[in-house]
């Protein structure tokens, strides 16, 4: 008999509920990560633009960096949980 055919004992309801809640919290959190990263990066860029009179270049650059950081963090969290 192959090792893949052996079944593990069923999970207790408490462990199942804890796992469900952890996964549910992750799913609810994921959409906000890239949005927050873009807002933070864009906010920093906007603030620098007002101080350095370079509008809208730093807003775009830091907004892009925020987007990249948000997607990277999103992928890191999904990979860690999988």
Protein backbone atom coordinates (compact mmCIF):
# COMPACT_ATOMS: atom_id res chain seq x y z
CA UNK A 1 0.00 0.00 0.00
CA UNK A 2 1.39 3.43 -0.96
CA UNK A 3 1.95 6.17 1.60
CA UNK A 4 -0.50 8.43 -0.28
CA UNK A 5 -3.36 6.00 0.30
CA UNK A 6 -3.15 6.24 4.09
CA UNK A 7 -5.62 8.70 5.51
CA UNK A 8 -4.89 10.87 8.50
CA UNK A 9 -7.28 10.98 11.42
CA UNK A 10 -10.07 13.54 11.03
CA UNK A 11 -9.52 17.00 12.49
CA UNK A 12 -11.36 17.96 15.62
CA UNK A 13 -14.09 20.59 15.19
CA UNK A 14 -12.09 23.07 17.29
CA UNK A 15 -9.02 22.79 15.02
CA UNK A 16 -11.23 23.06 11.95
CA UNK A 17 -12.87 26.23 13.29
CA UNK A 18 -9.50 27.77 14.18
CA UNK A 19 -8.13 27.01 10.71
CA UNK A 20 -11.25 28.40 9.06
CA UNK A 21 -11.07 31.63 11.08
CA UNK A 22 -7.37 32.05 10.29
CA UNK A 23 -7.98 31.58 6.56
CA UNK A 24 -11.04 33.85 6.65
CA UNK A 25 -9.04 36.61 8.34
CA UNK A 26 -6.32 36.28 5.69
CA UNK A 27 -8.85 36.49 2.86
CA UNK A 28 -10.49 39.55 4.38
CA UNK A 29 -7.12 41.25 4.87
CA UNK A 30 -5.61 40.59 1.43
CA UNK A 31 -7.42 43.26 -0.63
CA UNK A 32 -6.36 46.02 1.74
CA UNK A 33 -2.63 45.31 1.52
CA UNK A 34 -1.97 46.63 -2.02
CA UNK A 35 -4.43 49.49 -1.58
CA UNK A 36 -2.76 50.65 1.63
CA UNK A 37 0.70 50.32 0.10
CA UNK A 38 -0.28 52.48 -2.90
CA UNK A 39 -1.90 55.08 -0.64
CA UNK A 40 1.13 55.25 1.62
CA UNK A 41 3.57 55.43 -1.29
CA UNK A 42 1.42 57.96 -3.11
CA UNK A 43 1.04 60.03 0.05
CA UNK A 44 4.79 60.16 0.54
CA UNK A 45 5.23 61.10 -3.12
CA UNK A 46 2.57 63.80 -2.89
CA UNK A 47 4.16 65.26 0.23
CA UNK A 48 7.58 65.30 -1.43
CA UNK A 49 6.06 66.87 -4.55
CA UNK A 50 4.64 69.74 -2.49
CA UNK A 51 7.99 70.32 -0.79
CA UNK A 52 10.16 69.98 -3.91
CA UNK A 53 7.69 71.41 -6.49
CA UNK A 54 8.08 68.37 -8.77
CA UNK A 55 4.39 67.48 -9.17
CA UNK A 56 3.29 64.84 -10.22
CA UNK A 57 6.51 62.88 -10.73
CA UNK A 58 7.29 61.75 -7.20
CA UNK A 59 3.65 60.89 -6.60
CA UNK A 60 3.77 58.56 -9.60
CA UNK A 61 7.15 57.06 -8.70
CA UNK A 62 6.32 56.44 -5.05
CA UNK A 63 2.83 55.24 -5.95
CA UNK A 64 4.39 52.69 -8.31
CA UNK A 65 6.85 51.61 -5.61
CA UNK A 66 3.91 51.22 -3.24
CA UNK A 67 2.09 49.10 -5.79
CA UNK A 68 5.09 46.82 -6.24
CA UNK A 69 5.60 46.56 -2.48
CA UNK A 70 1.90 45.78 -1.97
CA UNK A 71 1.87 42.99 -4.55
CA UNK A 72 5.10 41.60 -3.15
CA UNK A 73 3.67 41.56 0.39
CA UNK A 74 0.45 40.00 -0.89
CA UNK A 75 2.36 37.17 -2.57
CA UNK A 76 4.55 36.67 0.51
CA UNK A 77 1.51 36.27 2.77
CA UNK A 78 -0.28 33.92 0.40
CA UNK A 79 2.84 31.77 -0.05
CA UNK A 80 3.49 31.66 3.71
CA UNK A 81 -0.04 30.47 4.43
CA UNK A 82 -0.16 27.84 1.67
